[in-house]
């Protein structure tokens, strides 16, 4: 069996607004969250911490020295086939109208028999939800942009 995963059958969910905090989030920070699945997703995009580069042009060395600076969780773009009745898509639209952070959870299709699947959870602001219409044979899309404001909380799949 190959040593990689596919995104097929991955579930994405949004939770209710959550307070920001000054420390990294942990699994227990999401224990009371009520999750709503976002239906019709066609592209789960990319997110995750990347450090900014701090540069110093040192004249005497004739070289630019680089350090790691602040860490940014990125702008996560989630694409869905537009479904005006989908509870998760409606939650995205509602979240975009607020200044609140929302938790998002990906649950992968990798649970061992009787066990639990691995997850990735982040917190962010929904800053855009444009609709894309395309040509006559294209499905209408909802394209949500989430500015990630947290670390990624990773939980590995576990045996029963």
Protein backbone atom coordinates (compact mmCIF):
# COMPACT_ATOMS: atom_id res chain seq x y z
CA UNK A 1 0.00 0.00 0.00
CA UNK A 2 1.35 3.49 -0.86
CA UNK A 3 2.58 5.65 1.98
CA UNK A 4 0.39 8.70 1.27
CA UNK A 5 -3.20 9.88 1.64
CA UNK A 6 -5.74 11.40 -0.71
CA UNK A 7 -8.15 14.17 0.24
CA UNK A 8 -11.17 12.24 -1.06
CA UNK A 9 -13.73 11.63 1.71
CA UNK A 10 -12.17 14.28 3.97
CA UNK A 11 -14.82 16.09 5.99
CA UNK A 12 -14.53 19.83 6.72
CA UNK A 13 -16.50 21.47 9.50
CA UNK A 14 -16.95 24.94 11.00
CA UNK A 15 -17.69 25.58 14.66
CA UNK A 16 -19.29 28.46 16.52
CA UNK A 17 -17.27 31.63 17.15
CA UNK A 18 -14.36 31.08 19.52
CA UNK A 19 -12.33 33.49 21.63
CA UNK A 20 -8.76 34.21 20.60
CA UNK A 21 -6.06 33.34 23.10
CA UNK A 22 -2.43 34.29 23.69
CA UNK A 23 -1.14 30.72 23.55
CA UNK A 24 -1.30 27.91 21.01
CA UNK A 25 -4.56 26.01 20.87
CA UNK A 26 -4.72 22.38 22.01
CA UNK A 27 -7.27 19.63 21.44
CA UNK A 28 -9.01 20.41 24.73
CA UNK A 29 -9.78 23.97 23.55
CA UNK A 30 -12.26 22.47 21.07
CA UNK A 31 -13.98 19.95 23.37
CA UNK A 32 -17.21 21.96 23.69
CA UNK A 33 -17.44 23.08 20.07
CA UNK A 34 -20.56 22.20 18.06
CA UNK A 35 -19.42 21.38 14.52
CA UNK A 36 -21.36 21.87 11.26
CA UNK A 37 -20.14 20.08 8.14
CA UNK A 38 -19.52 22.24 5.08
CA UNK A 39 -21.04 20.38 2.16
CA UNK A 40 -20.08 20.26 -1.49
CA UNK A 41 -16.38 21.00 -1.02
CA UNK A 42 -14.33 20.53 -4.18
CA UNK A 43 -10.96 21.97 -3.08
CA UNK A 44 -9.62 22.09 0.48
CA UNK A 45 -6.76 24.46 -0.35
CA UNK A 46 -3.65 25.00 1.75
CA UNK A 47 -2.95 26.33 5.24
CA UNK A 48 -0.22 26.07 7.84
CA UNK A 49 2.47 28.05 9.59
CA UNK A 50 5.16 29.78 7.55
CA UNK A 51 7.71 32.09 9.13
CA UNK A 52 8.32 35.50 7.62
CA UNK A 53 11.89 36.26 6.61
CA UNK A 54 13.66 39.08 8.45
CA UNK A 55 16.56 40.43 6.40
CA UNK A 56 19.55 42.52 7.40
CA UNK A 57 21.88 43.80 4.69
CA UNK A 58 25.22 43.80 6.48
CA UNK A 59 27.54 46.18 4.69
CA UNK A 60 30.77 44.85 6.19
CA UNK A 61 29.96 41.26 5.22
CA UNK A 62 28.57 42.14 1.82
CA UNK A 63 25.75 39.71 2.49
CA UNK A 64 22.09 39.74 3.42
CA UNK A 65 21.59 37.76 6.62
CA UNK A 66 18.21 36.16 7.26
CA UNK A 67 16.33 35.19 10.39
CA UNK A 68 12.95 33.64 10.97
CA UNK A 69 10.40 36.24 12.00
CA UNK A 70 6.74 36.08 12.93
CA UNK A 71 4.75 33.00 11.96
CA UNK A 72 1.68 33.29 9.73
CA UNK A 73 -0.96 30.55 9.42
CA UNK A 74 -1.79 31.70 5.91
CA UNK A 75 -4.87 32.48 3.88
CA UNK A 76 -6.87 29.29 3.42
CA UNK A 77 -9.15 29.12 0.38
CA UNK A 78 -11.99 26.58 0.56
CA UNK A 79 -14.02 25.97 -2.60
CA UNK A 80 -17.51 24.44 -2.63
CA UNK A 81 -20.21 23.73 -5.19
CA UNK A 82 -22.70 26.45 -4.26
CA UNK A 83 -25.62 25.05 -2.24
CA UNK A 84 -27.86 27.77 -0.82
CA UNK A 85 -29.47 25.24 1.58
CA UNK A 86 -26.25 23.73 2.99
CA UNK A 87 -25.93 24.49 6.72
CA UNK A 88 -22.11 24.64 6.58
CA UNK A 89 -22.05 27.04 3.65
CA UNK A 90 -24.65 29.19 5.41
CA UNK A 91 -22.41 29.16 8.51
CA UNK A 92 -19.48 30.37 6.36
CA UNK A 93 -21.62 33.19 4.96
CA UNK A 94 -22.74 34.19 8.47
CA UNK A 95 -19.15 34.03 9.78
CA UNK A 96 -18.00 36.40 7.03
CA UNK A 97 -20.39 39.04 8.40
CA UNK A 98 -18.64 39.08 11.80
CA UNK A 99 -15.23 40.03 13.17
CA UNK A 100 -15.05 36.77 15.13
CA UNK A 101 -12.65 33.84 14.86
CA UNK A 102 -14.14 30.43 14.04
CA UNK A 103 -12.67 26.96 14.44
CA UNK A 104 -12.36 24.74 11.37
CA UNK A 105 -11.72 21.00 11.50
CA UNK A 106 -10.64 18.59 8.79
CA UNK A 107 -11.31 14.91 9.50
CA UNK A 108 -9.45 12.53 7.20
CA UNK A 109 -10.61 9.14 5.94
CA UNK A 110 -7.83 7.23 7.67
CA UNK A 111 -9.40 5.69 10.76
CA UNK A 112 -8.17 2.18 11.52
CA UNK A 113 -10.93 -0.42 11.87
CA UNK A 114 -12.97 0.63 14.91
CA UNK A 115 -10.61 3.54 15.66
CA UNK A 116 -10.68 7.29 15.15
CA UNK A 117 -9.55 9.35 12.17
CA UNK A 118 -6.80 11.96 12.18
CA UNK A 119 -7.81 15.62 12.29
CA UNK A 120 -6.41 19.09 11.72
CA UNK A 121 -8.02 22.04 13.50
CA UNK A 122 -7.32 25.75 13.07
CA UNK A 123 -8.97 29.01 14.07
CA UNK A 124 -9.46 31.91 11.69
CA UNK A 125 -11.47 34.80 10.31
CA UNK A 126 -13.74 34.27 7.31
CA UNK A 127 -12.83 37.34 5.28
CA UNK A 128 -14.39 36.59 1.91
CA UNK A 129 -17.11 34.44 0.39
CA UNK A 130 -17.41 35.38 -3.27
CA UNK A 131 -19.44 33.24 -5.63
CA UNK A 132 -17.96 32.11 -8.95
CA UNK A 133 -20.23 31.35 -11.89
CA UNK A 134 -17.98 30.36 -14.79
CA UNK A 135 -19.27 29.23 -18.18
CA UNK A 136 -22.52 27.44 -19.08
CA UNK A 137 -21.23 23.99 -18.07
CA UNK A 138 -19.55 25.05 -14.84
CA UNK A 139 -21.04 24.48 -11.41
CA UNK A 140 -21.53 27.67 -9.44
CA UNK A 141 -18.98 27.89 -6.61
CA UNK A 142 -18.70 29.46 -3.17
CA UNK A 143 -15.07 30.38 -2.49
CA UNK A 144 -14.38 31.11 1.17
CA UNK A 145 -11.13 32.70 2.33
CA UNK A 146 -10.13 32.09 5.94
CA UNK A 147 -7.22 34.03 7.43
CA UNK A 148 -5.76 31.52 9.88
CA UNK A 149 -5.03 33.06 13.31
CA UNK A 150 -3.77 29.97 15.12
CA UNK A 151 -1.44 27.05 15.13
CA UNK A 152 -2.58 23.80 13.51
CA UNK A 153 -3.76 21.29 16.10
CA UNK A 154 -2.87 17.84 14.73
CA UNK A 155 -4.41 14.65 16.08
CA UNK A 156 -3.18 11.33 14.70
CA UNK A 157 -5.48 8.47 13.79
CA UNK A 158 -5.81 6.03 16.67
CA UNK A 159 -6.61 2.35 17.13
CA UNK A 160 -9.81 1.41 18.99
